[in-house]
Amino acid sequence: MGFEVQYRTHTCGELNTDAVGKQVVLAGWINRRRDHGGLIFLDLRDRYGLTQVVCDPERSPEAHKVATELRSEYVVQIKGSVVRRAVENENPNLSTGKIELQAEAIEILNAARTTPFPITDNVQADESLRLKYRYLDLRRPSMRNNILLRHRIVKIMRDYLDERAFVEVETPVLMKSTPEGARDYLVPSRLYEGEFYALPQSPQQLKQLLMVAGLDRYFQIARCFRDEDQRADRQPEFTQLDVEMSFVSEEDVMSLIEDLLITLIEKTTKKRIKQRPFPRLSFDDVMSRYGTDHPDLRFGLPLVEITDLAAAGTFGVFKSALAAQGMVKGIRVPGGGSYTRKEIDELTEFARTLGAKGLVSLAINASGEIKSPLTKFMSAEEVQAIIERLEGQAGDLLLFVADSAKVCNDVLFRLRTKLGERLKLIDPDEMALCWVVDFPLFHYDEEGQRYDAEHNPFSGMDEAHIERLDSDPLHIRARQYDIICNGFEIGGGSVRINTAALQHKVFSLMKMDNEQIQEQFGHMLEAFEYGAPPHGGIALGVDRLVMLFADADSIREVIAFPKTQSAIDLLMGAPSPVEEKQLQELHLLVRHEEKR
């Protein structure tokens, strides 16, 4: 039986009991084939769903004969009649679970080799194999759903901003190389020997120039590139929602984005928002209580500093840290007083892998008895003061790190996360969002012997702080705001500097001379002299946001064609050598260093 040009009349996810008795044509991939010794059942799959097809040798011997040749992932076209399944055979897990298709004709559109891993969600294949065959990996329902979720999130972003008079503007991908905290990807110019474009780390400067242009409200789903070491939530190329607005304060930007995030969560997930409006926390406060500027607020376990109390007694570990201008900080583990020595040793080893010299423990058993090395070097009153500072109770375990502020915060931040998971304090269906504000404008780079921007050099500051740029730059607070979700920074922005003189001053404090400033940012400073309005904005990481919404382990799970953690494209085989002719056209000579 022949077919018309039309490959399908319906998708594999839309047929229901309303279609019973209709003649339809479906097309897709064979998900599974089951031979019952007479009848052959096929599960036909496309991105919309799955339909069961029954091939009866008595009703249609030709279709049944073709069905015997089919294997998983064959691409086929099937014509037949929709029939209702017997009640006992219905599948409530499928949208098409009350019907099936009686096959009358089957055509193999393309045969398929045996796939290197099963096309199922419980696949145990190594990630490198999945990335090499990403087009097969994307056939799996969970991966397909991640891509569809990403599409929906981006569409809602666009619609939300369009309804609020924002204009989407595409900015160039070939740009000038300017320092923004990470290495640029450079693109050699064929026409201008020895000169290079750079791929944008962000559209930061261009979106500010759009404000000078008077476009007032801009957004872009922007592709960005950074040549930096990779982590589970980083990629060499990534996508961000880039937003900039004129004549705004911090509150204007934060209110807009807060409402957008609430809209996204409510429309694309079943998750609960822990608190709204989102809490506003200062940088100093989150560093003190959580050891990081991106805390997970789904659970408690705050960090508590006891540096002043640690000065009492003669405990050598504490004394050594304090003598080196360090600090002592602790965390309370509810119910941890019953941990075995082996369990405490495991936590101690974990802390050591993060850079700590060890952990000091204080266990309080159910009857209130204290077991700790501190009891040998401190009085009972001094030990009790420490317990009260951490609000320790009978049955608790207190753990302390004595080291530099950086080590204490880094170790306890990660230990807190580990304990939150171990104690089952984290609700996976909860979204705990907060704003972190009052960031320092600068930090001091000891290696470079200069001030460097805590976030970027374009963040503004309060008028009262400007006069302190020369005398006390490290205590100036930026008009910066980061948005945090479940322990991940999902976005950050600021109200910007909009005058050439102040922007020049900030660059100068970063030890850039006039020639460097003019070469790298002269275009921007000149634009400011033509009337730049007060403006501010933000960028949200789309990949990271989708990762959190999808409960994925890394952003690679929500990007169609990601790189590995070492920035390699296993599917295409990039980066790769190029022909000598191409190098000559670009005026490049590759120098291979000898490997020792």
Protein backbone atom coordinates (compact mmCIF):
# COMPACT_ATOMS: atom_id res chain seq x y z
CA MET A 1 0.00 0.00 0.00
CA GLY A 2 1.49 3.31 -1.02
CA PHE A 3 1.66 6.55 0.93
CA GLU A 4 0.87 10.12 0.06
CA VAL A 5 3.58 12.78 0.34
CA GLN A 6 2.27 13.70 3.81
CA TYR A 7 4.50 11.90 6.30
CA ARG A 8 2.12 12.16 9.24
CA THR A 9 -1.35 13.37 10.06
CA HIS A 10 -0.78 13.36 13.82
CA THR A 11 2.10 13.24 16.28
CA CYS A 12 2.77 10.31 18.57
CA GLY A 13 1.56 12.22 21.59
CA GLU A 14 -1.82 13.62 20.58
CA LEU A 15 -4.16 10.71 19.78
CA ASN A 16 -6.89 9.91 22.30
CA THR A 17 -10.31 8.31 22.41
CA ASP A 18 -11.74 11.11 20.24
CA ALA A 19 -9.73 9.65 17.34
CA VAL A 20 -11.12 6.09 17.66
CA GLY A 21 -12.16 4.83 14.22
CA LYS A 22 -10.06 7.37 12.31
CA GLN A 23 -7.44 6.55 9.69
CA VAL A 24 -4.15 8.23 10.64
CA VAL A 25 -0.52 8.27 9.59
CA LEU A 26 2.25 8.47 12.20
CA ALA A 27 6.02 8.78 11.75
CA GLY A 28 8.83 8.45 14.24
CA TRP A 29 11.37 6.13 15.81
CA ILE A 30 10.83 2.59 17.05
CA ASN A 31 11.20 2.88 20.79
CA ARG A 32 10.56 -0.80 21.47
CA ARG A 33 9.42 -3.90 19.61
CA ARG A 34 7.65 -6.80 21.36
CA ASP A 35 6.90 -10.04 19.51
CA HIS A 36 4.13 -12.03 21.20
CA GLY A 37 4.36 -15.00 18.87
CA GLY A 38 1.71 -13.70 16.53
CA LEU A 39 0.91 -10.12 17.32
CA ILE A 40 3.81 -7.68 17.23
CA PHE A 41 3.61 -4.55 19.36
CA LEU A 42 5.58 -1.45 18.47
CA ASP A 43 6.09 1.64 20.61
CA LEU A 44 6.46 4.51 18.16
CA ARG A 45 8.14 7.64 19.51
CA ASP A 46 8.60 11.24 18.47
CA ARG A 47 9.29 14.34 20.57
CA TYR A 48 5.59 14.70 21.39
CA GLY A 49 5.12 11.31 22.98
CA LEU A 50 4.63 7.62 22.32
CA THR A 51 1.88 5.58 20.64
CA GLN A 52 1.46 1.82 20.83
CA VAL A 53 1.04 0.11 17.45
CA VAL A 54 -0.30 -3.44 17.07
CA CYS A 55 0.59 -5.49 13.98
CA ASP A 56 -1.84 -8.38 13.36
CA PRO A 57 -0.78 -10.93 10.73
CA GLU A 58 -4.42 -11.75 9.95
CA ARG A 59 -5.56 -8.13 9.48
CA SER A 60 -2.49 -6.90 7.57
CA PRO A 61 0.10 -9.56 6.69
CA GLU A 62 2.27 -7.06 4.76
CA ALA A 63 2.54 -4.66 7.71
CA HIS A 64 3.25 -7.61 10.02
CA LYS A 65 6.02 -8.83 7.73
CA VAL A 66 7.72 -5.40 7.78
CA ALA A 67 7.30 -5.26 11.57
CA THR A 68 9.36 -8.43 11.94
CA GLU A 69 12.33 -6.56 10.38
CA LEU A 70 12.13 -3.54 12.68
CA ARG A 71 14.65 -2.80 15.40
CA SER A 72 15.01 -0.04 17.99
CA GLU A 73 15.57 3.44 16.53
CA TYR A 74 14.45 2.57 12.99
CA VAL A 75 12.66 5.55 11.45
CA VAL A 76 9.29 4.45 10.10
CA GLN A 77 5.97 5.65 8.80
CA ILE A 78 2.86 3.76 9.87
CA LYS A 79 -0.68 4.02 8.52
CA GLY A 80 -3.60 2.50 10.36
CA SER A 81 -6.82 2.83 12.32
CA VAL A 82 -7.12 4.11 15.86
CA VAL A 83 -8.80 1.61 18.21
CA ARG A 84 -9.57 1.75 21.89
CA ARG A 85 -7.55 -0.45 24.21
CA ALA A 86 -9.27 -2.86 26.56
CA VAL A 87 -9.65 -1.20 29.96
CA GLU A 88 -7.26 -3.66 31.58
CA ASN A 89 -4.59 -2.78 28.98
CA GLU A 90 -4.77 1.00 29.36
CA ASN A 91 -1.55 2.82 30.30
CA PRO A 92 -2.25 5.79 32.60
CA ASN A 93 1.35 7.00 32.23
CA LEU A 94 0.88 7.86 28.55
CA SER A 95 -1.27 10.61 27.03
CA THR A 96 -2.13 8.04 24.37
CA GLY A 97 -2.60 5.25 26.90
CA LYS A 98 -6.27 4.58 26.15
CA ILE A 99 -5.80 3.89 22.44
CA GLU A 100 -3.54 2.01 20.06
CA LEU A 101 -2.98 2.00 16.32
CA GLN A 102 -3.94 -1.04 14.24
CA ALA A 103 -1.19 -1.04 11.59
CA GLU A 104 -2.30 -1.38 7.98
CA ALA A 105 0.96 -0.35 6.28
CA ILE A 106 4.51 0.27 7.48
CA GLU A 107 7.34 1.84 5.52
CA ILE A 108 10.93 1.89 6.75
CA LEU A 109 12.19 5.41 6.11
CA ASN A 110 15.65 4.71 7.51
CA ALA A 111 17.25 1.75 9.21
CA ALA A 112 19.43 2.29 12.29
CA ARG A 113 22.58 0.71 13.67
CA THR A 114 22.57 -0.57 17.22
CA THR A 115 23.06 2.51 19.38
CA PRO A 116 26.14 2.74 21.65
CA PHE A 117 23.85 3.07 24.67
CA PRO A 118 20.11 2.45 25.25
CA ILE A 119 17.79 5.38 24.54
CA THR A 120 16.29 5.32 28.03
CA ASP A 121 16.39 7.62 31.03
CA ASN A 122 18.08 5.09 33.31
CA VAL A 123 21.08 4.77 30.99
CA GLN A 124 24.41 4.13 32.74
CA ALA A 125 26.61 5.31 29.88
CA ASP A 126 29.68 7.42 30.64
CA GLU A 127 29.14 11.13 30.01
CA SER A 128 31.94 11.26 27.42
CA LEU A 129 30.13 8.62 25.35
CA ARG A 130 26.87 10.53 25.69
CA LEU A 131 28.54 13.75 24.54
CA LYS A 132 30.18 12.06 21.55
CA TYR A 133 26.76 10.78 20.45
CA ARG A 134 24.81 13.78 21.71
CA TYR A 135 22.20 13.52 18.94
CA LEU A 136 21.28 10.11 20.40
CA ASP A 137 21.47 11.34 23.98
CA LEU A 138 18.95 14.06 23.13
CA ARG A 139 16.43 11.41 22.12
CA ARG A 140 16.13 10.35 25.77
CA PRO A 141 12.96 11.77 27.37
CA SER A 142 14.72 13.59 30.23
CA MET A 143 17.18 15.30 27.89
CA ARG A 144 14.40 16.22 25.46
CA ASN A 145 12.39 17.66 28.33
CA ASN A 146 15.37 19.74 29.47
CA ILE A 147 15.67 21.31 26.02
CA LEU A 148 11.92 21.96 25.86
CA LEU A 149 12.04 23.51 29.34
CA ARG A 150 14.87 25.77 28.21
CA HIS A 151 12.84 26.85 25.18
CA ARG A 152 9.85 27.67 27.38
CA ILE A 153 11.92 29.64 29.88
CA VAL A 154 13.51 31.75 27.16
CA LYS A 155 10.13 32.38 25.51
CA ILE A 156 8.60 33.54 28.81
CA MET A 157 11.59 35.85 29.32
CA ARG A 158 11.08 37.39 25.89
CA ASP A 159 7.34 37.79 26.32
CA TYR A 160 7.68 39.21 29.83
CA LEU A 161 10.17 41.88 28.76
CA ASP A 162 8.37 42.68 25.50
CA GLU A 163 5.21 43.39 27.50
CA ARG A 164 7.21 45.90 29.54
CA ALA A 165 8.51 47.92 26.58
CA PHE A 166 11.94 46.31 26.36
CA VAL A 167 13.63 46.14 22.96
CA GLU A 168 15.66 43.08 21.94
CA VAL A 169 18.93 44.16 20.32
CA GLU A 170 21.61 41.82 18.99
CA THR A 171 25.13 43.01 19.75
CA PRO A 172 28.25 41.93 17.82
CA VAL A 173 30.06 38.67 18.45
CA LEU A 174 33.31 39.99 16.91
CA MET A 175 34.49 42.65 19.33
CA LYS A 176 37.52 44.40 20.75
CA SER A 177 39.51 42.60 23.43
CA THR A 178 39.05 44.34 26.80
CA PRO A 179 39.77 42.90 30.26
CA GLU A 180 36.68 41.64 32.09
CA GLY A 181 38.19 39.19 34.56
CA ALA A 182 38.72 36.13 32.34
CA ARG A 183 40.74 35.33 29.24
CA ASP A 184 39.27 36.30 25.88
CA TYR A 185 38.80 33.95 22.96
CA LEU A 186 40.70 35.69 20.18
CA VAL A 187 39.83 35.63 16.48
CA PRO A 188 42.67 36.58 14.09
CA SER A 189 41.90 39.04 11.30
CA ARG A 190 42.76 37.99 7.74
CA LEU A 191 42.58 41.53 6.40
CA TYR A 192 44.57 43.23 9.16
CA GLU A 193 47.78 41.34 9.80
CA GLY A 194 48.64 40.78 13.45
CA GLU A 195 45.34 42.14 14.74
CA PHE A 196 42.53 40.30 16.45
CA TYR A 197 38.87 40.39 17.31
CA ALA A 198 37.68 38.93 20.61
CA LEU A 199 34.51 36.98 21.31
CA PRO A 200 32.47 38.84 23.95
CA GLN A 201 32.69 37.82 27.60
CA SER A 202 29.48 39.80 27.92
CA PRO A 203 27.75 42.65 26.04
CA GLN A 204 28.46 44.94 29.04
CA GLN A 205 29.92 47.94 27.23
CA LEU A 206 27.58 47.72 24.26
CA LYS A 207 24.45 47.60 26.37
CA GLN A 208 25.64 50.68 28.25
CA LEU A 209 26.21 52.41 24.90
CA LEU A 210 22.64 51.50 23.96
CA MET A 211 21.53 53.49 27.00
CA VAL A 212 23.58 56.44 25.72
CA ALA A 213 21.76 55.91 22.42
CA GLY A 214 18.44 56.46 24.19
CA LEU A 215 16.96 52.99 23.67
CA ASP A 216 16.00 53.10 27.36
CA ARG A 217 15.07 49.43 27.88
CA TYR A 218 17.21 46.74 26.25
CA PHE A 219 17.44 42.98 26.53
CA GLN A 220 19.16 40.17 24.68
CA ILE A 221 19.48 36.41 24.96
CA ALA A 222 23.22 36.79 24.59
CA ARG A 223 25.93 34.28 23.77
CA CYS A 224 29.07 34.88 25.82
CA PHE A 225 32.54 33.35 25.76
CA ARG A 226 35.17 33.01 28.48
CA ASP A 227 38.40 31.06 28.24
CA GLU A 228 38.54 29.89 31.85
CA ASP A 229 38.87 26.68 33.83
CA GLN A 230 35.67 24.68 33.78
CA ARG A 231 33.40 23.45 36.57
CA ALA A 232 30.06 21.66 36.65
CA ASP A 233 28.22 24.97 36.30
CA ARG A 234 30.59 26.61 33.79
CA GLN A 235 31.11 26.35 30.02
CA PRO A 236 33.48 28.18 27.64
CA GLU A 237 30.41 29.48 25.83
CA PHE A 238 27.20 30.18 27.66
CA THR A 239 23.93 32.07 27.39
CA GLN A 240 22.66 34.89 29.55
CA LEU A 241 19.61 37.09 29.68
CA ASP A 242 21.15 40.54 29.42
CA VAL A 243 19.08 43.51 30.60
CA GLU A 244 19.80 47.26 30.85
CA MET A 245 17.49 50.16 31.79
CA SER A 246 17.83 53.93 31.91
CA PHE A 247 16.70 56.25 34.70
CA VAL A 248 16.50 53.48 37.29
CA SER A 249 17.59 52.71 40.82
CA GLU A 250 18.64 49.35 42.22
CA GLU A 251 15.07 48.74 43.36
CA ASP A 252 13.71 49.17 39.83
CA VAL A 253 16.00 46.49 38.42
CA MET A 254 15.62 44.11 41.36
CA SER A 255 11.81 44.37 41.38
CA LEU A 256 11.64 43.64 37.66
CA ILE A 257 13.86 40.56 37.92
CA GLU A 258 12.23 39.29 41.10
CA ASP A 259 8.84 39.34 39.42
CA LEU A 260 10.30 37.67 36.31
CA LEU A 261 11.82 34.84 38.36
CA ILE A 262 8.58 34.26 40.26
CA THR A 263 6.75 34.15 36.92
CA LEU A 264 9.24 31.63 35.51
CA ILE A 265 9.09 29.36 38.54
CA GLU A 266 5.29 29.37 38.65
CA LYS A 267 4.85 28.80 34.91
CA THR A 268 7.54 26.17 34.28
CA THR A 269 7.94 24.21 37.53
CA LYS A 270 5.99 22.77 40.45
CA LYS A 271 8.51 24.10 42.94
CA ARG A 272 7.68 26.25 45.95
CA ILE A 273 9.29 29.62 46.57
CA LYS A 274 10.48 29.64 50.17
CA GLN A 275 10.11 33.36 50.82
CA ARG A 276 8.80 36.37 48.96
CA PRO A 277 9.73 39.10 48.60
CA PHE A 278 13.22 37.68 48.35
CA PRO A 279 15.38 38.51 51.40
CA ARG A 280 18.02 41.24 50.96
CA LEU A 281 21.28 40.22 52.65
CA SER A 282 24.51 42.18 52.87
CA PHE A 283 27.78 40.79 51.55
CA ASP A 284 29.37 41.01 55.00
CA ASP A 285 26.45 39.18 56.60
CA VAL A 286 26.41 36.22 54.20
CA MET A 287 30.18 35.85 54.36
CA SER A 288 29.98 35.80 58.16
CA ARG A 289 27.00 33.42 58.44
CA TYR A 290 27.58 31.14 55.45
CA GLY A 291 31.20 31.60 54.34
CA THR A 292 30.15 32.45 50.79
CA ASP A 293 28.39 35.17 48.81
CA HIS A 294 26.02 32.59 47.28
CA PRO A 295 24.42 30.81 50.26
CA ASP A 296 21.88 28.01 50.10
CA LEU A 297 19.03 29.27 52.27
CA ARG A 298 16.89 26.15 52.04
CA PHE A 299 18.31 25.11 55.41
CA GLY A 300 19.93 26.66 58.49
CA LEU A 301 23.27 25.59 60.02
CA PRO A 302 24.81 29.08 60.13
CA LEU A 303 28.53 29.53 60.75
CA VAL A 304 29.47 31.18 64.02
CA GLU A 305 32.73 32.98 64.74
CA ILE A 306 34.29 32.38 68.17
CA THR A 307 37.65 34.13 67.65
CA ASP A 308 37.23 36.17 70.84
CA LEU A 309 36.31 33.10 72.91
CA ALA A 310 39.12 31.05 71.35
CA ALA A 311 41.65 33.46 72.85
CA ALA A 312 40.93 31.98 76.28
CA GLY A 313 42.73 28.92 77.54
CA THR A 314 45.87 27.32 76.12
CA PHE A 315 44.60 25.26 73.17
CA GLY A 316 47.52 25.30 70.71
CA VAL A 317 45.46 24.95 67.50
CA PHE A 318 43.47 28.06 68.35
CA LYS A 319 46.50 29.99 69.61
CA SER A 320 48.48 29.31 66.41
CA ALA A 321 45.65 30.55 64.19
CA LEU A 322 45.16 33.70 66.23
CA ALA A 323 48.90 34.41 66.28
CA ALA A 324 48.83 34.36 62.46
CA GLN A 325 45.98 36.92 62.44
CA GLY A 326 43.52 34.17 61.63
CA MET A 327 40.13 33.32 63.05
CA VAL A 328 38.16 30.44 64.58
CA LYS A 329 34.72 29.60 63.25
CA GLY A 330 32.32 26.77 63.95
CA ILE A 331 29.12 25.05 62.93
CA ARG A 332 26.53 23.13 64.95
CA VAL A 333 25.51 19.66 63.74
CA PRO A 334 22.10 18.85 65.25
CA GLY A 335 22.06 15.27 66.52
CA GLY A 336 25.73 14.82 65.66
CA GLY A 337 26.71 14.13 69.27
CA SER A 338 26.21 10.43 68.58
CA TYR A 339 28.54 10.34 65.57
CA THR A 340 31.22 7.66 65.80
CA ARG A 341 34.93 8.43 65.70
CA LYS A 342 34.95 7.09 62.14
CA GLU A 343 32.19 9.49 61.06
CA ILE A 344 33.97 12.46 62.60
CA ASP A 345 37.24 11.36 60.98
CA GLU A 346 35.49 11.28 57.59
CA LEU A 347 34.30 14.87 58.06
CA THR A 348 37.79 15.86 59.18
CA GLU A 349 39.35 14.31 56.09
CA PHE A 350 36.80 16.12 53.92
CA ALA A 351 37.86 19.41 55.55
CA ARG A 352 41.52 18.60 54.92
CA THR A 353 40.88 18.04 51.21
CA LEU A 354 39.50 21.60 51.11
CA GLY A 355 42.59 23.12 52.70
CA ALA A 356 41.94 22.94 56.44
CA LYS A 357 44.56 21.53 58.79
CA GLY A 358 41.77 19.59 60.46
CA LEU A 359 38.56 19.94 62.47
CA VAL A 360 38.24 20.52 66.20
CA SER A 361 35.21 18.64 67.55
CA LEU A 362 33.03 19.07 70.60
CA ALA A 363 30.38 16.40 71.13
CA ILE A 364 27.55 16.74 73.63
CA ASN A 365 25.90 13.41 74.40
CA ALA A 366 22.22 12.97 75.24
CA SER A 367 22.89 13.46 78.96
CA GLY A 368 24.87 16.66 78.36
CA GLU A 369 28.35 15.18 78.86
CA ILE A 370 31.02 16.93 76.79
CA LYS A 371 33.70 15.11 74.81
CA SER A 372 36.31 17.41 73.22
CA PRO A 373 40.05 18.15 73.30
CA LEU A 374 39.06 21.68 74.38
CA THR A 375 38.21 20.44 77.88
CA LYS A 376 41.90 19.79 78.53
CA PHE A 377 42.95 23.35 77.71
CA MET A 378 39.97 25.48 78.72
CA SER A 379 37.95 25.86 81.87
CA ALA A 380 34.42 24.52 82.07
CA GLU A 381 33.12 28.10 81.92
CA GLU A 382 35.17 28.87 78.79
CA VAL A 383 33.94 25.73 77.03
CA GLN A 384 30.35 26.49 78.05
CA ALA A 385 30.65 30.00 76.58
CA ILE A 386 31.58 28.46 73.22
CA ILE A 387 28.66 26.02 73.41
CA GLU A 388 26.24 28.85 74.18
CA ARG A 389 27.62 30.98 71.28
CA LEU A 390 26.75 28.15 68.87
CA GLU A 391 23.46 27.40 70.71
CA GLY A 392 24.59 23.83 71.29
CA GLN A 393 22.13 21.38 72.82
CA ALA A 394 22.37 17.89 74.28
CA GLY A 395 22.94 15.48 71.40
CA ASP A 396 24.72 18.02 69.17
CA LEU A 397 28.19 18.04 67.61
CA LEU A 398 30.13 21.29 67.22
CA LEU A 399 32.90 21.49 64.62
CA PHE A 400 35.51 24.24 64.35
CA VAL A 401 38.12 25.41 61.86
CA ALA A 402 41.02 27.58 62.99
CA ASP A 403 42.85 29.23 60.10
CA SER A 404 42.82 32.31 57.88
CA ALA A 405 39.41 33.88 57.21
CA LYS A 406 39.51 32.57 53.64
CA VAL A 407 40.22 28.97 54.65
CA CYS A 408 37.66 29.05 57.49
CA ASN A 409 34.95 30.35 55.17
CA ASP A 410 35.78 28.11 52.20
CA VAL A 411 35.94 24.92 54.29
CA LEU A 412 32.90 25.57 56.47
CA PHE A 413 30.82 26.73 53.49
CA ARG A 414 31.34 23.37 51.78
CA LEU A 415 31.08 21.43 55.04
CA ARG A 416 27.74 23.15 55.71
CA THR A 417 26.46 21.98 52.29
CA LYS A 418 27.65 18.44 52.94
CA LEU A 419 25.97 18.39 56.35
CA GLY A 420 22.75 19.82 54.92
CA GLU A 421 22.63 16.89 52.50
CA ARG A 422 23.67 14.34 55.12
CA LEU A 423 21.05 15.51 57.61
CA LYS A 424 18.39 15.61 54.85
CA LEU A 425 17.67 19.29 55.52
CA ILE A 426 17.41 20.22 51.84
CA ASP A 427 13.97 20.16 50.21
CA PRO A 428 14.54 19.53 46.47
CA ASP A 429 11.14 21.03 45.64
CA GLU A 430 11.92 24.35 47.29
CA MET A 431 13.46 27.44 45.70
CA ALA A 432 15.20 29.70 48.22
CA LEU A 433 16.11 32.97 46.51
CA CYS A 434 17.77 36.04 47.97
CA TRP A 435 19.53 39.21 46.92
CA VAL A 436 23.06 39.87 48.11
CA VAL A 437 23.91 43.58 48.21
CA ASP A 438 26.52 45.99 49.59
CA PHE A 439 29.47 44.36 47.86
CA PRO A 440 32.89 45.99 48.16
CA LEU A 441 33.70 47.99 45.05
CA PHE A 442 37.34 46.81 45.12
CA HIS A 443 39.58 44.15 46.56
CA TYR A 444 43.35 44.43 46.69
CA ASP A 445 45.34 42.17 44.38
CA GLU A 446 48.51 41.37 46.33
CA GLU A 447 50.20 39.74 43.34
CA GLY A 448 49.55 42.67 41.02
CA GLN A 449 49.93 45.24 43.80
CA ARG A 450 46.81 47.06 42.68
CA TYR A 451 43.11 47.47 43.34
CA ASP A 452 40.83 45.28 41.28
CA ALA A 453 37.06 45.41 40.81
CA GLU A 454 35.16 42.95 43.00
CA HIS A 455 32.70 42.36 40.12
CA ASN A 456 33.43 44.68 37.21
CA PRO A 457 34.85 48.20 36.87
CA PHE A 458 31.54 49.66 35.65
CA SER A 459 29.60 49.41 38.93
CA GLY A 460 28.56 52.71 40.46
CA MET A 461 28.75 53.85 44.06
CA ASP A 462 26.83 56.24 46.29
CA GLU A 463 27.70 59.92 45.89
CA ALA A 464 28.95 60.02 49.48
CA HIS A 465 31.56 57.38 48.67
CA ILE A 466 33.09 59.02 45.62
CA GLU A 467 35.23 61.38 47.68
CA ARG A 468 36.77 58.34 49.44
CA LEU A 469 38.16 56.83 46.24
CA ASP A 470 41.63 58.18 46.96
CA SER A 471 41.71 57.72 50.73
CA ASP A 472 39.75 54.54 51.46
CA PRO A 473 38.80 52.59 48.32
CA LEU A 474 38.53 49.19 50.04
CA HIS A 475 35.61 50.35 52.19
CA ILE A 476 33.52 51.73 49.35
CA ARG A 477 30.38 49.74 48.64
CA ALA A 478 29.24 49.18 45.07
CA ARG A 479 25.65 49.61 43.90
CA GLN A 480 25.88 45.93 43.03
CA TYR A 481 23.27 43.20 43.50
CA ASP A 482 23.52 39.45 42.96
CA ILE A 483 20.54 37.11 42.81
CA ILE A 484 21.09 33.72 44.47
CA CYS A 485 19.02 30.54 44.18
CA ASN A 486 19.64 27.36 46.20
CA GLY A 487 23.32 28.13 46.64
CA PHE A 488 24.00 29.24 43.07
CA GLU A 489 24.56 32.75 41.80
CA ILE A 490 22.09 32.93 38.93
CA GLY A 491 22.63 36.58 38.07
CA GLY A 492 24.28 39.82 38.97
CA GLY A 493 24.16 43.46 38.04
CA SER A 494 24.56 47.01 39.24
CA VAL A 495 23.66 50.61 38.76
CA ARG A 496 26.50 51.82 36.51
CA ILE A 497 28.93 54.67 36.41
CA ASN A 498 27.65 57.10 33.77
CA THR A 499 30.25 59.90 33.77
CA ALA A 500 33.58 59.79 31.97
CA ALA A 501 35.55 61.38 34.81
CA LEU A 502 34.42 58.88 37.46
CA GLN A 503 34.89 55.90 35.14
CA HIS A 504 38.40 57.12 34.29
CA LYS A 505 39.15 57.43 38.00
CA VAL A 506 38.13 53.82 38.66
CA PHE A 507 40.32 52.58 35.81
CA SER A 508 43.23 54.62 37.20
CA LEU A 509 42.86 53.02 40.64
CA MET A 510 43.21 49.66 38.89
CA LYS A 511 46.69 50.80 37.75
CA MET A 512 45.69 51.41 34.16
CA ASP A 513 47.60 54.33 32.63
CA ASN A 514 45.99 56.91 30.37
CA GLU A 515 47.21 55.17 27.23
CA GLN A 516 45.69 51.83 28.30
CA ILE A 517 42.43 53.48 29.29
CA GLN A 518 42.17 55.27 25.97
CA GLU A 519 43.11 52.19 23.97
CA GLN A 520 40.65 49.84 25.70
CA PHE A 521 37.82 52.10 26.80
CA GLY A 522 38.21 55.38 24.96
CA HIS A 523 35.07 54.74 22.89
CA MET A 524 33.02 54.33 26.05
CA LEU A 525 34.40 57.37 27.85
CA GLU A 526 33.83 59.52 24.79
CA ALA A 527 30.23 58.30 24.55
CA PHE A 528 29.63 59.30 28.18
CA GLU A 529 30.59 62.86 27.28
CA TYR A 530 27.60 63.08 24.94
CA GLY A 531 25.02 62.68 27.69
CA ALA A 532 24.81 59.24 29.29
CA PRO A 533 21.65 58.80 31.40
CA PRO A 534 21.74 57.14 34.82
CA HIS A 535 21.36 53.46 34.05
CA GLY A 536 21.63 49.99 35.51
CA GLY A 537 21.06 46.40 34.58
CA ILE A 538 21.64 42.75 35.25
CA ALA A 539 22.51 39.47 33.54
CA LEU A 540 20.90 36.14 34.41
CA GLY A 541 22.64 32.87 33.56
CA VAL A 542 20.15 30.98 31.40
CA ASP A 543 22.06 27.68 31.54
CA ARG A 544 22.35 27.74 35.32
CA LEU A 545 18.72 28.76 35.74
CA VAL A 546 17.46 25.88 33.59
CA MET A 547 19.79 23.50 35.45
CA LEU A 548 18.13 24.45 38.74
CA PHE A 549 14.61 24.28 37.34
CA ALA A 550 15.29 20.85 35.81
CA ASP A 551 17.07 19.46 38.91
CA ALA A 552 20.02 18.61 36.66
CA ASP A 553 23.48 17.82 38.01
CA SER A 554 25.31 20.23 35.71
CA ILE A 555 24.60 22.79 33.01
CA ARG A 556 25.82 20.27 30.42
CA GLU A 557 22.50 18.47 30.97
CA VAL A 558 20.49 21.49 29.76
CA ILE A 559 22.65 22.60 26.79
CA ALA A 560 22.00 20.87 23.48
CA PHE A 561 25.65 20.54 22.46
CA PRO A 562 27.95 21.33 25.40
CA LYS A 563 31.69 21.02 25.80
CA THR A 564 33.29 18.72 28.35
CA GLN A 565 34.70 20.04 31.61
CA SER A 566 38.01 20.40 29.78
CA ALA A 567 36.34 22.51 27.04
CA ILE A 568 36.44 19.80 24.37
CA ASP A 569 33.66 19.18 21.84
CA LEU A 570 33.61 15.38 21.61
CA LEU A 571 30.90 15.34 18.95
CA MET A 572 32.67 17.57 16.40
CA GLY A 573 36.21 16.95 17.59
CA ALA A 574 37.08 20.54 18.50
CA PRO A 575 39.45 22.20 19.06
CA SER A 576 41.38 20.73 16.16
CA PRO A 577 44.34 21.58 13.89
CA VAL A 578 43.70 23.58 10.71
CA GLU A 579 45.43 23.51 7.34
CA GLU A 580 48.66 25.43 6.86
CA LYS A 581 46.97 27.47 4.12
CA GLN A 582 44.42 28.81 6.61
CA LEU A 583 47.18 29.79 9.02
CA GLN A 584 49.04 31.62 6.26
CA GLU A 585 45.90 33.54 5.27
CA LEU A 586 45.56 34.66 8.90
CA HIS A 587 49.26 35.53 9.16
CA LEU A 588 49.71 32.96 11.94
CA LEU A 589 52.57 30.66 12.79
CA VAL A 590 51.96 27.86 15.29
CA ARG A 591 54.85 27.19 17.61
CA HIS A 592 54.88 23.75 19.20
CA GLU A 593 56.75 23.72 22.49
CA GLU A 594 58.76 20.60 23.19
CA LYS A 595 57.25 18.39 25.85
CA ARG A 596 59.71 17.43 28.54
